[in-house]
Amino acid sequence: MKCPFCENSDTRVIDSRPTEEGHAIRRRRECDACGKRFTTYEKVEEVFFMVVKKDGRREAFDRNKVINGIIRACEKRPVSIAEIENIASNIERGLNNMMEKEVESTMIGQIIMDHLKELDEVAYVRFASVYRQFKDVNTFVAEIEKLLGDGKDKLK
């Protein structure tokens, strides 16, 4: 690692410790030439991928869009920001693990709904009503009945 002060390439690691829940390593380094210390971070390089929208447009994956959608669905519900962040992290990690260059937006929406269904049923119905573009009250009622039917299966 090059020293940011004198650009000498001989530096040594003094201290290393994990950060960001173990997803990065923080290293304190010291330059052998000038003696100054600096910090570096080592992190796994994440795979960049595109989201293919319903109309065929492509745009870079944006974690903030996922978080904002979940936040809107969870408004006035007993869901913490930490839980929302955790869902977004799980989704992003899962999509990165797929190693695909392009992912359909419908797949991302379905994954979000699966997580919300487990977390908060009201948030799930809210998200589904916007995501699936419910046309009328009957579609909305059918989704709730389906949700209630799934709940009965869990009780057996």
C-alpha atoms as a PDB file:
ATOM      1  CA  MET A   1       0.000   0.000   0.000  1.00  0.00           C
ATOM      2  CA  LYS A   2       1.401   3.391  -0.987  1.00  0.00           C
ATOM      3  CA  CYS A   3       1.808   6.043   1.710  1.00  0.00           C
ATOM      4  CA  PRO A   4      -0.628   8.927   1.030  1.00  0.00           C
ATOM      5  CA  PHE A   5       1.928  11.418   2.417  1.00  0.00           C
ATOM      6  CA  CYS A   6       5.228  10.538   0.725  1.00  0.00           C
ATOM      7  CA  GLU A   7       4.057   7.896  -1.796  1.00  0.00           C
ATOM      8  CA  ASN A   8       6.578   5.347  -0.509  1.00  0.00           C
ATOM      9  CA  SER A   9       5.419   1.812  -1.311  1.00  0.00           C
ATOM     10  CA  ASP A  10       6.924   0.261   1.852  1.00  0.00           C
ATOM     11  CA  THR A  11       4.300   0.425   4.588  1.00  0.00           C
ATOM     12  CA  ARG A  12       3.450  -2.045   7.316  1.00  0.00           C
ATOM     13  CA  VAL A  13       0.260  -2.996   9.098  1.00  0.00           C
ATOM     14  CA  ILE A  14       0.247  -2.036  12.785  1.00  0.00           C
ATOM     15  CA  ASP A  15      -3.305  -3.063  13.684  1.00  0.00           C
ATOM     16  CA  SER A  16      -6.202  -4.873  11.968  1.00  0.00           C
ATOM     17  CA  ARG A  17      -9.761  -5.261  13.158  1.00  0.00           C
ATOM     18  CA  PRO A  18     -13.140  -6.093  11.592  1.00  0.00           C
ATOM     19  CA  THR A  19     -15.734  -3.349  11.046  1.00  0.00           C
ATOM     20  CA  GLU A  20     -19.230  -3.038   9.558  1.00  0.00           C
ATOM     21  CA  GLU A  21     -20.489  -6.272  11.089  1.00  0.00           C
ATOM     22  CA  GLY A  22     -17.481  -8.169   9.754  1.00  0.00           C
ATOM     23  CA  HIS A  23     -17.903  -7.101   6.120  1.00  0.00           C
ATOM     24  CA  ALA A  24     -14.705  -5.020   6.091  1.00  0.00           C
ATOM     25  CA  ILE A  25     -11.273  -4.941   7.746  1.00  0.00           C
ATOM     26  CA  ARG A  26      -9.851  -1.688   9.125  1.00  0.00           C
ATOM     27  CA  ARG A  27      -6.057  -1.557   8.988  1.00  0.00           C
ATOM     28  CA  ARG A  28      -3.767   0.996  10.655  1.00  0.00           C
ATOM     29  CA  ARG A  29      -0.572   1.320   8.661  1.00  0.00           C
ATOM     30  CA  GLU A  30       2.749   3.068   9.183  1.00  0.00           C
ATOM     31  CA  CYS A  31       5.079   4.271   6.454  1.00  0.00           C
ATOM     32  CA  ASP A  32       8.639   2.957   6.778  1.00  0.00           C
ATOM     33  CA  ALA A  33      10.073   6.090   5.100  1.00  0.00           C
ATOM     34  CA  CYS A  34       8.266   9.039   6.755  1.00  0.00           C
ATOM     35  CA  GLY A  35       6.848   7.303   9.835  1.00  0.00           C
ATOM     36  CA  LYS A  36       3.340   8.723   9.375  1.00  0.00           C
ATOM     37  CA  ARG A  37       0.292   6.567  10.069  1.00  0.00           C
ATOM     38  CA  PHE A  38      -2.861   6.164   8.022  1.00  0.00           C
ATOM     39  CA  THR A  39      -5.941   3.952   7.883  1.00  0.00           C
ATOM     40  CA  THR A  40      -7.094   1.702   5.051  1.00  0.00           C
ATOM     41  CA  TYR A  41     -10.186  -0.459   4.665  1.00  0.00           C
ATOM     42  CA  GLU A  42     -10.310  -3.812   2.935  1.00  0.00           C
ATOM     43  CA  LYS A  43     -13.713  -4.834   1.629  1.00  0.00           C
ATOM     44  CA  VAL A  44     -15.069  -7.506  -0.681  1.00  0.00           C
ATOM     45  CA  GLU A  45     -15.781  -6.031  -4.088  1.00  0.00           C
ATOM     46  CA  GLU A  46     -19.502  -6.250  -4.759  1.00  0.00           C
ATOM     47  CA  VAL A  47     -20.849  -7.313  -8.114  1.00  0.00           C
ATOM     48  CA  PHE A  48     -22.449  -4.472 -10.065  1.00  0.00           C
ATOM     49  CA  PHE A  49     -25.728  -5.425 -11.712  1.00  0.00           C
ATOM     50  CA  MET A  50     -28.559  -3.836 -13.620  1.00  0.00           C
ATOM     51  CA  VAL A  51     -32.281  -3.993 -12.890  1.00  0.00           C
ATOM     52  CA  VAL A  52     -34.493  -4.696 -15.892  1.00  0.00           C
ATOM     53  CA  LYS A  53     -37.747  -2.769 -15.434  1.00  0.00           C
ATOM     54  CA  LYS A  54     -41.178  -3.972 -16.632  1.00  0.00           C
ATOM     55  CA  ASP A  55     -40.994  -1.672 -19.678  1.00  0.00           C
ATOM     56  CA  GLY A  56     -37.539  -2.990 -20.650  1.00  0.00           C
ATOM     57  CA  ARG A  57     -35.495  -0.038 -19.356  1.00  0.00           C
ATOM     58  CA  ARG A  58     -32.336  -0.877 -17.456  1.00  0.00           C
ATOM     59  CA  GLU A  59     -30.922   0.971 -14.472  1.00  0.00           C
ATOM     60  CA  ALA A  60     -28.274   0.275 -11.851  1.00  0.00           C
ATOM     61  CA  PHE A  61     -29.468  -1.462  -8.694  1.00  0.00           C
ATOM     62  CA  ASP A  62     -30.157   1.108  -5.993  1.00  0.00           C
ATOM     63  CA  ARG A  63     -30.362  -0.200  -2.430  1.00  0.00           C
ATOM     64  CA  ASN A  64     -31.992   3.088  -1.361  1.00  0.00           C
ATOM     65  CA  LYS A  65     -34.974   2.415  -3.638  1.00  0.00           C
ATOM     66  CA  VAL A  66     -35.500  -0.924  -1.886  1.00  0.00           C
ATOM     67  CA  ILE A  67     -35.250   0.724   1.541  1.00  0.00           C
ATOM     68  CA  ASN A  68     -37.616   3.575   0.579  1.00  0.00           C
ATOM     69  CA  GLY A  69     -40.216   1.141  -0.751  1.00  0.00           C
ATOM     70  CA  ILE A  70     -40.089  -0.906   2.442  1.00  0.00           C
ATOM     71  CA  ILE A  71     -40.249   2.235   4.607  1.00  0.00           C
ATOM     72  CA  ARG A  72     -43.396   3.404   2.785  1.00  0.00           C
ATOM     73  CA  ALA A  73     -45.030   0.005   3.296  1.00  0.00           C
ATOM     74  CA  CYS A  74     -44.061  -0.026   6.994  1.00  0.00           C
ATOM     75  CA  GLU A  75     -45.244   3.503   7.843  1.00  0.00           C
ATOM     76  CA  LYS A  76     -46.959   3.619  11.249  1.00  0.00           C
ATOM     77  CA  ARG A  77     -46.176  -0.073  11.787  1.00  0.00           C
ATOM     78  CA  PRO A  78     -44.040  -1.529  14.603  1.00  0.00           C
ATOM     79  CA  VAL A  79     -41.078  -2.137  12.295  1.00  0.00           C
ATOM     80  CA  SER A  80     -37.684  -0.687  13.178  1.00  0.00           C
ATOM     81  CA  ILE A  81     -35.218   0.873  10.766  1.00  0.00           C
ATOM     82  CA  ALA A  82     -32.771  -1.873  11.775  1.00  0.00           C
ATOM     83  CA  GLU A  83     -35.239  -4.516  10.534  1.00  0.00           C
ATOM     84  CA  ILE A  84     -35.709  -2.611   7.279  1.00  0.00           C
ATOM     85  CA  GLU A  85     -31.937  -2.282   6.820  1.00  0.00           C
ATOM     86  CA  ASN A  86     -31.562  -5.999   7.548  1.00  0.00           C
ATOM     87  CA  ILE A  87     -34.108  -6.892   4.859  1.00  0.00           C
ATOM     88  CA  ALA A  88     -32.348  -4.613   2.341  1.00  0.00           C
ATOM     89  CA  SER A  89     -28.974  -6.172   3.207  1.00  0.00           C
ATOM     90  CA  ASN A  90     -30.352  -9.704   2.830  1.00  0.00           C
ATOM     91  CA  ILE A  91     -31.895  -8.840  -0.533  1.00  0.00           C
ATOM     92  CA  GLU A  92     -28.727  -7.168  -1.809  1.00  0.00           C
ATOM     93  CA  ARG A  93     -26.533 -10.028  -0.593  1.00  0.00           C
ATOM     94  CA  GLY A  94     -28.840 -12.599  -2.198  1.00  0.00           C
ATOM     95  CA  LEU A  95     -28.865 -10.754  -5.515  1.00  0.00           C
ATOM     96  CA  ASN A  96     -25.067 -10.382  -5.454  1.00  0.00           C
ATOM     97  CA  ASN A  97     -24.703 -14.107  -4.723  1.00  0.00           C
ATOM     98  CA  MET A  98     -26.704 -14.883  -7.873  1.00  0.00           C
ATOM     99  CA  MET A  99     -23.791 -13.440  -9.878  1.00  0.00           C
ATOM    100  CA  GLU A 100     -26.174 -12.240 -12.603  1.00  0.00           C
ATOM    101  CA  LYS A 101     -25.434  -9.045 -14.528  1.00  0.00           C
ATOM    102  CA  GLU A 102     -29.152  -8.302 -14.947  1.00  0.00           C
ATOM    103  CA  VAL A 103     -32.049  -8.957 -12.582  1.00  0.00           C
ATOM    104  CA  GLU A 104     -35.753  -8.483 -13.354  1.00  0.00           C
ATOM    105  CA  SER A 105     -37.477  -5.871 -11.189  1.00  0.00           C
ATOM    106  CA  THR A 106     -40.358  -8.311 -10.747  1.00  0.00           C
ATOM    107  CA  MET A 107     -38.000 -10.741  -9.016  1.00  0.00           C
ATOM    108  CA  ILE A 108     -36.792  -8.025  -6.624  1.00  0.00           C
ATOM    109  CA  GLY A 109     -40.396  -7.028  -5.862  1.00  0.00           C
ATOM    110  CA  GLN A 110     -41.335 -10.636  -5.126  1.00  0.00           C
ATOM    111  CA  ILE A 111     -38.347 -11.054  -2.803  1.00  0.00           C
ATOM    112  CA  ILE A 112     -39.331  -7.873  -0.939  1.00  0.00           C
ATOM    113  CA  MET A 113     -42.906  -9.164  -0.590  1.00  0.00           C
ATOM    114  CA  ASP A 114     -41.645 -12.507   0.750  1.00  0.00           C
ATOM    115  CA  HIS A 115     -39.630 -10.704   3.441  1.00  0.00           C
ATOM    116  CA  LEU A 116     -42.512  -8.365   4.334  1.00  0.00           C
ATOM    117  CA  LYS A 117     -44.938 -11.268   4.577  1.00  0.00           C
ATOM    118  CA  GLU A 118     -42.757 -12.722   7.339  1.00  0.00           C
ATOM    119  CA  LEU A 119     -42.136  -9.367   9.024  1.00  0.00           C
ATOM    120  CA  ASP A 120     -45.494  -7.577   9.008  1.00  0.00           C
ATOM    121  CA  GLU A 121     -48.641  -8.654   7.147  1.00  0.00           C
ATOM    122  CA  VAL A 122     -50.063  -5.130   6.932  1.00  0.00           C
ATOM    123  CA  ALA A 123     -46.825  -3.858   5.359  1.00  0.00           C
ATOM    124  CA  TYR A 124     -46.933  -6.828   2.995  1.00  0.00           C
ATOM    125  CA  VAL A 125     -50.472  -5.972   1.806  1.00  0.00           C
ATOM    126  CA  ARG A 126     -49.531  -2.299   1.410  1.00  0.00           C
ATOM    127  CA  PHE A 127     -46.470  -3.136  -0.673  1.00  0.00           C
ATOM    128  CA  ALA A 128     -48.345  -5.753  -2.724  1.00  0.00           C
ATOM    129  CA  SER A 129     -51.193  -3.330  -3.478  1.00  0.00           C
ATOM    130  CA  VAL A 130     -48.780  -0.840  -5.031  1.00  0.00           C
ATOM    131  CA  TYR A 131     -46.380  -3.355  -6.559  1.00  0.00           C
ATOM    132  CA  ARG A 132     -49.063  -5.541  -8.138  1.00  0.00           C
ATOM    133  CA  GLN A 133     -51.149  -2.488  -9.048  1.00  0.00           C
ATOM    134  CA  PHE A 134     -54.440  -3.768  -7.620  1.00  0.00           C
ATOM    135  CA  LYS A 135     -57.157  -2.603 -10.003  1.00  0.00           C
ATOM    136  CA  ASP A 136     -60.087  -2.673  -7.571  1.00  0.00           C
ATOM    137  CA  VAL A 137     -61.231  -3.606  -4.071  1.00  0.00           C
ATOM    138  CA  ASN A 138     -61.929  -7.218  -5.102  1.00  0.00           C
ATOM    139  CA  THR A 139     -58.275  -7.760  -6.000  1.00  0.00           C
ATOM    140  CA  PHE A 140     -57.308  -6.281  -2.643  1.00  0.00           C
ATOM    141  CA  VAL A 141     -59.761  -8.546  -0.778  1.00  0.00           C
ATOM    142  CA  ALA A 142     -58.550 -11.601  -2.715  1.00  0.00           C
ATOM    143  CA  GLU A 143     -54.956 -10.894  -1.625  1.00  0.00           C
ATOM    144  CA  ILE A 144     -56.034 -10.553   2.017  1.00  0.00           C
ATOM    145  CA  GLU A 145     -58.045 -13.792   1.801  1.00  0.00           C
ATOM    146  CA  LYS A 146     -55.000 -15.526   0.352  1.00  0.00           C
ATOM    147  CA  LEU A 147     -52.919 -14.158   3.231  1.00  0.00           C
ATOM    148  CA  LEU A 148     -55.500 -15.352   5.753  1.00  0.00           C
ATOM    149  CA  GLY A 149     -55.535 -18.769   4.060  1.00  0.00           C
ATOM    150  CA  ASP A 150     -51.747 -18.992   4.438  1.00  0.00           C
ATOM    151  CA  GLY A 151     -52.138 -18.163   8.126  1.00  0.00           C
ATOM    152  CA  LYS A 152     -54.624 -21.011   8.621  1.00  0.00           C
ATOM    153  CA  ASP A 153     -52.141 -23.439   7.064  1.00  0.00           C
ATOM    154  CA  LYS A 154     -49.532 -22.322   9.622  1.00  0.00           C
ATOM    155  CA  LEU A 155     -51.900 -23.123  12.487  1.00  0.00           C
ATOM    156  CA  LYS A 156     -52.380 -26.762  11.436  1.00  0.00           C
END
